[in-house]
Every structure is written in C-alpha cells, then in structure tokens.
PDB file of N, CA and C in Angstrom:
ATOM      1  N   MET A   1      -0.020   8.974   3.375  1.00  0.00           N
ATOM      2  CA  MET A   1       0.334   8.093   3.579  1.00  0.00           C
ATOM      3  C   MET A   1      -0.580   6.872   3.288  1.00  0.00           C
ATOM      4  N   LYS A   2      -2.381   7.371   3.967  1.00  0.00           N
ATOM      5  CA  LYS A   2      -3.340   7.387   3.943  1.00  0.00           C
ATOM      6  C   LYS A   2      -3.804   6.575   2.599  1.00  0.00           C
ATOM      7  N   GLN A   3      -3.760   7.511   1.443  1.00  0.00           N
ATOM      8  CA  GLN A   3      -4.114   7.207   0.296  1.00  0.00           C
ATOM      9  C   GLN A   3      -2.787   6.922   0.253  1.00  0.00           C
ATOM     10  N   GLY A   4      -1.780   6.826   0.169  1.00  0.00           N
ATOM     11  CA  GLY A   4      -0.757   5.505  -0.487  1.00  0.00           C
ATOM     12  C   GLY A   4      -1.061   4.326  -0.060  1.00  0.00           C
ATOM     13  N   GLY A   5      -1.599   4.131   1.394  1.00  0.00           N
ATOM     14  CA  GLY A   5      -1.666   2.843   1.815  1.00  0.00           C
ATOM     15  C   GLY A   5      -2.968   2.110   1.199  1.00  0.00           C
ATOM     16  N   LEU A   6      -4.156   2.786   0.805  1.00  0.00           N
ATOM     17  CA  LEU A   6      -5.363   2.651   0.638  1.00  0.00           C
ATOM     18  C   LEU A   6      -4.772   1.874  -1.102  1.00  0.00           C
ATOM     19  N   ALA A   7      -4.141   2.932  -1.795  1.00  0.00           N
ATOM     20  CA  ALA A   7      -3.581   2.721  -3.045  1.00  0.00           C
ATOM     21  C   ALA A   7      -3.546   1.273  -3.359  1.00  0.00           C
ATOM     22  N   LEU A   8      -2.190   1.158  -2.590  1.00  0.00           N
ATOM     23  CA  LEU A   8      -1.434  -0.531  -2.104  1.00  0.00           C
ATOM     24  C   LEU A   8      -2.524  -1.582  -2.083  1.00  0.00           C
ATOM     25  N   ILE A   9      -3.700  -1.180  -1.185  1.00  0.00           N
ATOM     26  CA  ILE A   9      -4.284  -2.619  -0.421  1.00  0.00           C
ATOM     27  C   ILE A   9      -5.480  -2.474  -2.025  1.00  0.00           C
ATOM     28  N   VAL A  10      -5.290  -1.614  -2.786  1.00  0.00           N
ATOM     29  CA  VAL A  10      -6.421  -2.021  -3.438  1.00  0.00           C
ATOM     30  C   VAL A  10      -6.393  -2.614  -4.959  1.00  0.00           C
ATOM     31  N   ILE A  11      -4.853  -2.264  -5.330  1.00  0.00           N
ATOM     32  CA  ILE A  11      -3.539  -3.019  -5.727  1.00  0.00           C
ATOM     33  C   ILE A  11      -3.669  -4.122  -5.894  1.00  0.00           C
ATOM     34  N   GLY A  12      -3.052  -4.580  -4.625  1.00  0.00           N
ATOM     35  CA  GLY A  12      -2.529  -5.795  -3.862  1.00  0.00           C
ATOM     36  C   GLY A  12      -3.818  -6.767  -4.182  1.00  0.00           C
ATOM     37  N   GLY A  13      -5.266  -6.324  -3.917  1.00  0.00           N
ATOM     38  CA  GLY A  13      -6.291  -7.002  -3.897  1.00  0.00           C
ATOM     39  C   GLY A  13      -6.267  -7.625  -5.322  1.00  0.00           C
ATOM     40  N   ILE A  14      -6.621  -6.988  -6.799  1.00  0.00           N
ATOM     41  CA  ILE A  14      -6.202  -6.921  -7.751  1.00  0.00           C
ATOM     42  C   ILE A  14      -5.246  -7.893  -8.232  1.00  0.00           C
ATOM     43  N   LEU A  15      -3.952  -7.704  -7.818  1.00  0.00           N
ATOM     44  CA  LEU A  15      -3.035  -8.801  -8.434  1.00  0.00           C
ATOM     45  C   LEU A  15      -3.168 -10.202  -7.597  1.00  0.00           C
ATOM     46  N   VAL A  16      -4.298 -10.570  -6.275  1.00  0.00           N
ATOM     47  CA  VAL A  16      -3.970 -11.213  -5.480  1.00  0.00           C
ATOM     48  C   VAL A  16      -4.894 -11.971  -5.906  1.00  0.00           C
ATOM     49  N   VAL A  17      -6.102 -11.942  -7.029  1.00  0.00           N
ATOM     50  CA  VAL A  17      -7.124 -11.982  -7.415  1.00  0.00           C
ATOM     51  C   VAL A  17      -6.767 -12.711  -8.764  1.00  0.00           C
ATOM     52  N   ALA A  18      -6.204 -11.627  -9.958  1.00  0.00           N
ATOM     53  CA  ALA A  18      -5.415 -12.102 -11.232  1.00  0.00           C
ATOM     54  C   ALA A  18      -4.579 -13.160 -11.404  1.00  0.00           C
ATOM     55  N   GLY A  19      -3.442 -13.189 -10.068  1.00  0.00           N
ATOM     56  CA  GLY A  19      -2.700 -14.558  -9.535  1.00  0.00           C
ATOM     57  C   GLY A  19      -3.375 -15.956  -9.765  1.00  0.00           C
ATOM     58  N   GLY A  20      -4.366 -15.577  -8.642  1.00  0.00           N
ATOM     59  CA  GLY A  20      -5.014 -16.822  -8.117  1.00  0.00           C
ATOM     60  C   GLY A  20      -6.256 -17.420  -9.308  1.00  0.00           C
ATOM     61  N   ALA A  21      -6.934 -16.466 -10.509  1.00  0.00           N
ATOM     62  CA  ALA A  21      -7.415 -16.754 -11.642  1.00  0.00           C
ATOM     63  C   ALA A  21      -6.473 -17.358 -12.522  1.00  0.00           C
ATOM     64  N   ILE A  22      -4.758 -17.393 -12.557  1.00  0.00           N
ATOM     65  CA  ILE A  22      -4.295 -17.698 -13.426  1.00  0.00           C
ATOM     66  C   ILE A  22      -3.876 -18.904 -13.206  1.00  0.00           C
ATOM     67  N   GLU A  23      -3.505 -19.406 -11.485  1.00  0.00           N
ATOM     68  CA  GLU A  23      -2.989 -20.884 -11.148  1.00  0.00           C
ATOM     69  C   GLU A  23      -3.856 -21.323 -10.994  1.00  0.00           C
ATOM     70  N   VAL A  24      -5.398 -20.909 -10.819  1.00  0.00           N
ATOM     71  CA  VAL A  24      -6.209 -22.114 -10.966  1.00  0.00           C
ATOM     72  C   VAL A  24      -6.650 -22.253 -12.406  1.00  0.00           C
ATOM     73  N   ASN A  25      -6.319 -21.670 -13.742  1.00  0.00           N
ATOM     74  CA  ASN A  25      -6.226 -22.231 -14.948  1.00  0.00           C
ATOM     75  C   ASN A  25      -5.445 -22.659 -15.162  1.00  0.00           C
ATOM     76  N   GLN A  26      -4.000 -22.521 -15.048  1.00  0.00           N
ATOM     77  CA  GLN A  26      -3.100 -23.663 -15.259  1.00  0.00           C
ATOM     78  C   GLN A  26      -3.332 -25.266 -14.248  1.00  0.00           C
ATOM     79  N   ALA A  27      -3.714 -24.569 -12.998  1.00  0.00           N
ATOM     80  CA  ALA A  27      -3.984 -26.349 -12.772  1.00  0.00           C
ATOM     81  C   ALA A  27      -4.953 -26.960 -12.860  1.00  0.00           C
ATOM     82  N   ASP A  28      -5.840 -26.390 -13.632  1.00  0.00           N
ATOM     83  CA  ASP A  28      -6.942 -26.923 -14.861  1.00  0.00           C
ATOM     84  C   ASP A  28      -6.569 -27.768 -15.746  1.00  0.00           C
ATOM     85  N   LYS A  29      -5.538 -26.956 -16.663  1.00  0.00           N
ATOM     86  CA  LYS A  29      -4.907 -27.681 -17.843  1.00  0.00           C
ATOM     87  C   LYS A  29      -3.472 -28.273 -17.322  1.00  0.00           C
ATOM     88  N   GLU A  30      -3.521 -28.283 -15.809  1.00  0.00           N
ATOM     89  CA  GLU A  30      -2.180 -29.758 -15.728  1.00  0.00           C
ATOM     90  C   GLU A  30      -3.154 -31.260 -15.446  1.00  0.00           C
ATOM     91  N   TRP A  31      -4.469 -30.485 -14.900  1.00  0.00           N
ATOM     92  CA  TRP A  31      -5.073 -31.632 -14.561  1.00  0.00           C
ATOM     93  C   TRP A  31      -6.130 -32.687 -15.586  1.00  0.00           C
ATOM     94  N   ASP A  32      -5.977 -32.266 -16.857  1.00  0.00           N
ATOM     95  CA  ASP A  32      -6.469 -32.717 -17.563  1.00  0.00           C
ATOM     96  C   ASP A  32      -5.488 -33.362 -18.896  1.00  0.00           C
ATOM     97  N   ALA A  33      -4.995 -32.378 -18.694  1.00  0.00           N
ATOM     98  CA  ALA A  33      -3.766 -33.353 -19.040  1.00  0.00           C
ATOM     99  C   ALA A  33      -2.829 -34.755 -18.487  1.00  0.00           C
ATOM    100  N   PHE A  34      -3.244 -34.147 -17.607  1.00  0.00           N
ATOM    101  CA  PHE A  34      -2.670 -36.046 -16.637  1.00  0.00           C
ATOM    102  C   PHE A  34      -3.889 -36.540 -17.077  1.00  0.00           C
ATOM    103  N   TRP A  35      -5.187 -36.500 -17.043  1.00  0.00           N
ATOM    104  CA  TRP A  35      -6.601 -37.828 -17.249  1.00  0.00           C
ATOM    105  C   TRP A  35      -6.385 -38.026 -18.331  1.00  0.00           C
ATOM    106  N   SER A  36      -5.454 -37.186 -19.352  1.00  0.00           N
ATOM    107  CA  SER A  36      -5.550 -37.470 -20.686  1.00  0.00           C
ATOM    108  C   SER A  36      -4.215 -37.984 -21.674  1.00  0.00           C
ATOM    109  N   GLY A  37      -3.604 -37.856 -20.776  1.00  0.00           N
ATOM    110  CA  GLY A  37      -2.605 -39.030 -20.957  1.00  0.00           C
ATOM    111  C   GLY A  37      -0.994 -37.936 -21.902  1.00  0.00           C
ATOM    112  N   GLU A  38      -1.615 -36.863 -22.311  1.00  0.00           N
ATOM    113  CA  GLU A  38      -0.455 -36.168 -22.897  1.00  0.00           C
ATOM    114  C   GLU A  38       0.492 -35.356 -22.090  1.00  0.00           C
ATOM    115  N   PRO A  39       1.052 -35.023 -22.189  1.00  0.00           N
ATOM    116  CA  PRO A  39       2.327 -34.557 -21.773  1.00  0.00           C
ATOM    117  C   PRO A  39       1.781 -32.957 -21.271  1.00  0.00           C
ATOM    118  N   ALA A  40       2.025 -32.879 -19.396  1.00  0.00           N
ATOM    119  CA  ALA A  40       1.914 -31.618 -19.162  1.00  0.00           C
ATOM    120  C   ALA A  40       2.298 -30.467 -19.367  1.00  0.00           C
ATOM    121  N   PRO A  41       1.876 -29.505 -19.762  1.00  0.00           N
ATOM    122  CA  PRO A  41       1.627 -27.894 -20.507  1.00  0.00           C
ATOM    123  C   PRO A  41       3.145 -27.354 -19.991  1.00  0.00           C
ATOM    124  N   GLU A  42       3.307 -26.487 -20.726  1.00  0.00           N
ATOM    125  CA  GLU A  42       4.881 -25.958 -19.397  1.00  0.00           C
ATOM    126  C   GLU A  42       3.693 -25.116 -18.682  1.00  0.00           C
ATOM    127  N   HIS A  43       4.652 -24.496 -17.385  1.00  0.00           N
ATOM    128  CA  HIS A  43       3.856 -24.258 -16.665  1.00  0.00           C
ATOM    129  C   HIS A  43       5.165 -23.059 -15.763  1.00  0.00           C
ATOM    130  N   ASN A  44       4.348 -21.717 -16.034  1.00  0.00           N
ATOM    131  CA  ASN A  44       5.323 -20.638 -16.152  1.00  0.00           C
ATOM    132  C   ASN A  44       4.921 -19.900 -14.857  1.00  0.00           C
ATOM    133  N   ASN A  45       5.343 -19.067 -14.271  1.00  0.00           N
ATOM    134  CA  ASN A  45       5.412 -19.164 -12.545  1.00  0.00           C
ATOM    135  C   ASN A  45       4.374 -17.384 -12.896  1.00  0.00           C
ATOM    136  N   ILE A  46       3.673 -16.485 -14.107  1.00  0.00           N
ATOM    137  CA  ILE A  46       3.215 -15.425 -13.776  1.00  0.00           C
ATOM    138  C   ILE A  46       2.455 -15.525 -12.662  1.00  0.00           C
ATOM    139  N   GLY A  47       1.559 -16.497 -12.733  1.00  0.00           N
ATOM    140  CA  GLY A  47       0.318 -16.319 -11.484  1.00  0.00           C
ATOM    141  C   GLY A  47       0.593 -16.464  -9.802  1.00  0.00           C
ATOM    142  N   THR A  48       1.369 -17.350  -9.994  1.00  0.00           N
ATOM    143  CA  THR A  48       2.410 -17.254  -8.971  1.00  0.00           C
ATOM    144  C   THR A  48       3.030 -15.760  -8.170  1.00  0.00           C
ATOM    145  N   VAL A  49       4.261 -15.300  -9.028  1.00  0.00           N
ATOM    146  CA  VAL A  49       4.806 -13.393  -9.028  1.00  0.00           C
ATOM    147  C   VAL A  49       3.203 -12.963  -8.602  1.00  0.00           C
ATOM    148  N   LEU A  50       2.659 -12.935  -9.543  1.00  0.00           N
ATOM    149  CA  LEU A  50       1.240 -11.846  -9.745  1.00  0.00           C
ATOM    150  C   LEU A  50       0.887 -12.004  -8.204  1.00  0.00           C
ATOM    151  N   PHE A  51       0.255 -12.903  -7.474  1.00  0.00           N
ATOM    152  CA  PHE A  51      -0.397 -13.717  -6.475  1.00  0.00           C
ATOM    153  C   PHE A  51       0.746 -13.033  -4.610  1.00  0.00           C
ATOM    154  N   CYS A  52       2.115 -13.536  -5.015  1.00  0.00           N
ATOM    155  CA  CYS A  52       2.960 -13.057  -3.740  1.00  0.00           C
ATOM    156  C   CYS A  52       3.026 -11.499  -3.857  1.00  0.00           C
ATOM    157  N   SER A  53       2.712 -10.694  -5.128  1.00  0.00           N
ATOM    158  CA  SER A  53       3.210  -9.548  -4.912  1.00  0.00           C
ATOM    159  C   SER A  53       2.257  -8.538  -4.579  1.00  0.00           C
ATOM    160  N   GLY A  54       1.031  -9.448  -5.196  1.00  0.00           N
ATOM    161  CA  GLY A  54       0.181  -8.598  -4.187  1.00  0.00           C
ATOM    162  C   GLY A  54      -0.288  -8.474  -3.041  1.00  0.00           C
ATOM    163  N   LEU A  55       0.194  -9.812  -2.193  1.00  0.00           N
ATOM    164  CA  LEU A  55       0.209 -10.574  -0.420  1.00  0.00           C
ATOM    165  C   LEU A  55       1.064  -9.050   0.064  1.00  0.00           C
ATOM    166  N   VAL A  56       2.435  -8.739  -1.141  1.00  0.00           N
ATOM    167  CA  VAL A  56       3.341  -7.965   0.040  1.00  0.00           C
ATOM    168  C   VAL A  56       2.510  -6.727  -0.266  1.00  0.00           C
ATOM    169  N   MET A  57       1.602  -6.136  -1.446  1.00  0.00           N
ATOM    170  CA  MET A  57       1.660  -4.935  -1.129  1.00  0.00           C
ATOM    171  C   MET A  57       0.304  -4.552   0.064  1.00  0.00           C
ATOM    172  N   GLU A  58       0.058  -5.785  -0.235  1.00  0.00           N
ATOM    173  CA  GLU A  58      -1.185  -5.405   0.823  1.00  0.00           C
ATOM    174  C   GLU A  58      -1.015  -5.752   1.949  1.00  0.00           C
ATOM    175  N   ALA A  59       0.019  -6.669   2.454  1.00  0.00           N
ATOM    176  CA  ALA A  59       1.200  -5.736   3.800  1.00  0.00           C
ATOM    177  C   ALA A  59       1.812  -5.223   4.254  1.00  0.00           C
ATOM    178  N   ALA A  60       1.853  -4.189   3.029  1.00  0.00           N
ATOM    179  CA  ALA A  60       2.487  -2.857   2.972  1.00  0.00           C
ATOM    180  C   ALA A  60       1.807  -1.708   3.553  1.00  0.00           C
ATOM    181  N   GLY A  61       0.508  -1.818   2.642  1.00  0.00           N
ATOM    182  CA  GLY A  61      -0.466  -0.892   3.096  1.00  0.00           C
ATOM    183  C   GLY A  61      -1.605  -0.911   3.819  1.00  0.00           C
ATOM    184  N   VAL A  62      -1.720  -2.774   4.574  1.00  0.00           N
ATOM    185  CA  VAL A  62      -2.378  -1.690   6.002  1.00  0.00           C
ATOM    186  C   VAL A  62      -1.765  -0.948   7.021  1.00  0.00           C
ATOM    187  N   PRO A  63      -0.540  -1.298   7.130  1.00  0.00           N
ATOM    188  CA  PRO A  63       0.138  -0.569   8.576  1.00  0.00           C
ATOM    189  C   PRO A  63       0.208   1.058   7.492  1.00  0.00           C
ATOM    190  N   LEU A  64       0.501   1.535   6.346  1.00  0.00           N
ATOM    191  CA  LEU A  64       0.281   2.756   5.915  1.00  0.00           C
ATOM    192  C   LEU A  64      -0.597   2.954   6.419  1.00  0.00           C
ATOM    193  N   THR A  65      -2.323   2.683   5.662  1.00  0.00           N
ATOM    194  CA  THR A  65      -2.964   3.170   6.034  1.00  0.00           C
ATOM    195  C   THR A  65      -3.692   3.525   7.304  1.00  0.00           C
ATOM    196  N   ILE A  66      -3.301   2.496   8.291  1.00  0.00           N
ATOM    197  CA  ILE A  66      -3.337   2.994  10.060  1.00  0.00           C
ATOM    198  C   ILE A  66      -2.837   3.518  10.023  1.00  0.00           C
ATOM    199  N   VAL A  67      -1.352   4.210   9.759  1.00  0.00           N
ATOM    200  CA  VAL A  67      -0.696   4.982  10.343  1.00  0.00           C
ATOM    201  C   VAL A  67      -0.793   6.586   9.548  1.00  0.00           C
ATOM    202  N   GLY A  68      -1.418   6.750   8.696  1.00  0.00           N
ATOM    203  CA  GLY A  68      -1.898   7.280   8.089  1.00  0.00           C
ATOM    204  C   GLY A  68      -2.781   8.068   8.639  1.00  0.00           C
ATOM    205  N   HIS A  69      -4.031   7.191   8.847  1.00  0.00           N
ATOM    206  CA  HIS A  69      -5.233   7.558   9.101  1.00  0.00           C
ATOM    207  C   HIS A  69      -5.033   8.504  11.053  1.00  0.00           C
ATOM    208  N   ARG A  70      -4.147   7.377  11.473  1.00  0.00           N
ATOM    209  CA  ARG A  70      -4.178   8.215  12.946  1.00  0.00           C
ATOM    210  C   ARG A  70      -3.358   9.712  13.012  1.00  0.00           C
ATOM    211  N   LYS A  71      -2.597   9.672  11.719  1.00  0.00           N
ATOM    212  CA  LYS A  71      -1.706  10.648  11.879  1.00  0.00           C
ATOM    213  C   LYS A  71      -3.002  11.887  11.708  1.00  0.00           C
ATOM    214  N   TYR A  72      -3.998  11.560  10.860  1.00  0.00           N
ATOM    215  CA  TYR A  72      -4.531  12.674   9.578  1.00  0.00           C
ATOM    216  C   TYR A  72      -5.323  12.943  10.924  1.00  0.00           C
ATOM    217  N   LYS A  73      -5.607  11.995  11.698  1.00  0.00           N
ATOM    218  CA  LYS A  73      -6.770  12.144  13.225  1.00  0.00           C
ATOM    219  C   LYS A  73      -5.905  13.246  14.623  1.00  0.00           C
ATOM    220  N   TYR A  74      -5.024  12.882  14.154  1.00  0.00           N
ATOM    221  CA  TYR A  74      -3.783  14.110  14.684  1.00  0.00           C
ATOM    222  C   TYR A  74      -3.767  15.424  14.934  1.00  0.00           C
ATOM    223  N   TYR A  75      -3.238  15.621  13.956  1.00  0.00           N
ATOM    224  CA  TYR A  75      -3.260  16.813  13.184  1.00  0.00           C
ATOM    225  C   TYR A  75      -4.502  18.068  12.942  1.00  0.00           C
ATOM    226  N   LYS A  76      -5.727  16.859  12.627  1.00  0.00           N
ATOM    227  CA  LYS A  76      -6.794  17.811  12.611  1.00  0.00           C
ATOM    228  C   LYS A  76      -7.001  17.926  13.741  1.00  0.00           C
ATOM    229  N   ARG A  77      -6.840  17.399  14.520  1.00  0.00           N
ATOM    230  CA  ARG A  77      -7.722  18.143  16.142  1.00  0.00           C
ATOM    231  C   ARG A  77      -6.308  18.945  16.295  1.00  0.00           C
ATOM    232  N   ASN A  78      -5.218  18.852  16.184  1.00  0.00           N
ATOM    233  CA  ASN A  78      -4.244  20.061  17.008  1.00  0.00           C
ATOM    234  C   ASN A  78      -3.733  21.227  15.745  1.00  0.00           C
ATOM    235  N   PRO A  79      -4.529  22.015  15.352  1.00  0.00           N
ATOM    236  CA  PRO A  79      -4.693  23.050  13.959  1.00  0.00           C
ATOM    237  C   PRO A  79      -3.641  23.646  14.609  1.00  0.00           C
ATOM    238  N   ASP A  80      -3.485  24.455  16.116  1.00  0.00           N
ATOM    239  CA  ASP A  80      -1.929  25.101  16.192  1.00  0.00           C
ATOM    240  C   ASP A  80      -0.719  24.515  16.804  1.00  0.00           C
ATOM    241  N   VAL A  81      -0.438  23.743  15.525  1.00  0.00           N
ATOM    242  CA  VAL A  81       0.668  22.925  15.562  1.00  0.00           C
ATOM    243  C   VAL A  81       1.719  23.677  15.365  1.00  0.00           C
ATOM    244  N   ILE A  82       1.514  24.671  14.214  1.00  0.00           N
ATOM    245  CA  ILE A  82       2.535  25.433  13.533  1.00  0.00           C
ATOM    246  C   ILE A  82       1.872  27.276  14.137  1.00  0.00           C
ATOM    247  N   SER A  83       2.036  27.859  14.443  1.00  0.00           N
ATOM    248  CA  SER A  83       2.317  28.857  15.007  1.00  0.00           C
ATOM    249  C   SER A  83       3.055  30.252  14.573  1.00  0.00           C
ATOM    250  N   LEU A  84       2.802  31.446  13.873  1.00  0.00           N
ATOM    251  CA  LEU A  84       3.851  31.834  13.487  1.00  0.00           C
ATOM    252  C   LEU A  84       3.867  33.393  14.657  1.00  0.00           C
ATOM    253  N   GLY A  85       4.775  34.386  14.720  1.00  0.00           N
ATOM    254  CA  GLY A  85       5.113  35.031  15.584  1.00  0.00           C
ATOM    255  C   GLY A  85       5.863  36.461  15.053  1.00  0.00           C
ATOM    256  N   ILE A  86       5.344  36.998  15.193  1.00  0.00           N
ATOM    257  CA  ILE A  86       6.394  38.652  15.590  1.00  0.00           C
ATOM    258  C   ILE A  86       6.574  39.199  16.410  1.00  0.00           C
ATOM    259  N   LYS A  87       8.154  39.237  16.124  1.00  0.00           N
ATOM    260  CA  LYS A  87       8.997  39.378  17.562  1.00  0.00           C
ATOM    261  C   LYS A  87       9.360  41.194  16.945  1.00  0.00           C
ATOM    262  N   ALA A  88       9.006  42.606  18.121  1.00  0.00           N
ATOM    263  CA  ALA A  88       9.212  43.885  17.516  1.00  0.00           C
ATOM    264  C   ALA A  88       9.779  44.350  18.682  1.00  0.00           C
ATOM    265  N   HIS A  89      10.894  44.472  19.186  1.00  0.00           N
ATOM    266  CA  HIS A  89      11.702  44.830  19.702  1.00  0.00           C
ATOM    267  C   HIS A  89      12.980  45.946  19.574  1.00  0.00           C
ATOM    268  N   PRO A  90      12.672  47.160  20.131  1.00  0.00           N
ATOM    269  CA  PRO A  90      13.781  48.238  19.915  1.00  0.00           C
ATOM    270  C   PRO A  90      14.930  47.745  18.892  1.00  0.00           C
ATOM    271  N   GLN A  91      15.429  46.558  19.680  1.00  0.00           N
ATOM    272  CA  GLN A  91      16.857  46.332  19.399  1.00  0.00           C
ATOM    273  C   GLN A  91      16.421  45.769  18.512  1.00  0.00           C
ATOM    274  N   SER A  92      16.046  44.628  18.053  1.00  0.00           N
ATOM    275  CA  SER A  92      15.139  43.485  16.529  1.00  0.00           C
ATOM    276  C   SER A  92      14.386  43.503  16.188  1.00  0.00           C
ATOM    277  N   THR A  93      13.459  42.889  15.059  1.00  0.00           N
ATOM    278  CA  THR A  93      13.148  42.554  13.958  1.00  0.00           C
ATOM    279  C   THR A  93      12.968  41.432  13.558  1.00  0.00           C
ATOM    280  N   GLY A  94      11.776  40.760  13.977  1.00  0.00           N
ATOM    281  CA  GLY A  94      12.027  39.373  13.033  1.00  0.00           C
ATOM    282  C   GLY A  94      10.750  38.724  13.157  1.00  0.00           C
ATOM    283  N   LEU A  95      10.874  37.395  12.783  1.00  0.00           N
ATOM    284  CA  LEU A  95       9.696  36.758  12.399  1.00  0.00           C
ATOM    285  C   LEU A  95      10.049  35.645  13.574  1.00  0.00           C
ATOM    286  N   ARG A  96       8.887  34.921  13.560  1.00  0.00           N
ATOM    287  CA  ARG A  96       9.522  33.199  14.476  1.00  0.00           C
ATOM    288  C   ARG A  96       8.356  32.558  14.261  1.00  0.00           C
ATOM    289  N   LEU A  97       8.314  31.400  13.385  1.00  0.00           N
ATOM    290  CA  LEU A  97       7.633  30.365  13.270  1.00  0.00           C
ATOM    291  C   LEU A  97       8.151  28.679  14.323  1.00  0.00           C
ATOM    292  N   THR A  98       6.822  28.817  14.543  1.00  0.00           N
ATOM    293  CA  THR A  98       7.556  27.218  15.852  1.00  0.00           C
ATOM    294  C   THR A  98       6.157  26.031  15.220  1.00  0.00           C
ATOM    295  N   TYR A  99       7.333  25.312  15.622  1.00  0.00           N
ATOM    296  CA  TYR A  99       5.785  23.557  14.935  1.00  0.00           C
ATOM    297  C   TYR A  99       6.329  22.849  16.256  1.00  0.00           C
ATOM    298  N   ARG A 100       5.336  22.472  16.750  1.00  0.00           N
ATOM    299  CA  ARG A 100       5.385  22.022  17.647  1.00  0.00           C
ATOM    300  C   ARG A 100       5.193  20.327  17.178  1.00  0.00           C
ATOM    301  N   PHE A 101       5.568  19.112  17.763  1.00  0.00           N
ATOM    302  CA  PHE A 101       5.733  17.708  17.716  1.00  0.00           C
ATOM    303  C   PHE A 101       5.917  16.929  19.274  1.00  0.00           C
TER     304      PHE A 101
END
C-alpha cells in the first residue's frame, strides 16, 4: 500500500504539471488570437483531463501512503503475530498456525 500510494502521488504530480502546462499554452494561444482579431483556435480538453486525473491520483495516493506506512510500522514492531506450533499428544498429532490481529 505504501509503495502504491507513493507511485500514485508521483504520477499524479507529473500529470498535474503536464496538464497545467498544456492549459497555459492553450490560454496563451487564445489570448494572442483575441488581440490579433483571428478566430480563436479550437480548444481541446486534454490539459483539463490530465490535470483533473492527476489531482484524483494524488488524492488517492496520500491516504494509501499514510495507511501503508502505519501498517508497515505496526507489523515491523510486532514480528510475533504469526506463530507456528506443533501439537503432539498420544491421541493426535498436528500443526497449528496462529495469526493475531
């Protein structure tokens, strides 16, 4: 969870920057066309889609990273949550696997 959250944060940040750069470039073209009297260039929404997708990825990555980090610390502190025992009685023999949470 921790690594997945970090990956979402990094990729989301890249998408936010790329989408913002595309939107600024399109706004400059529209501004230049406004003052020159030319018709406005066709506006596509690629920058907006990239920007919004990046924000969603970052918003999902932050809680995943936090929860993953807390669980990592918990399981690192408690290495004995899994125990393996052997049950040896004259009537029966077997293995016992216990997981505490």
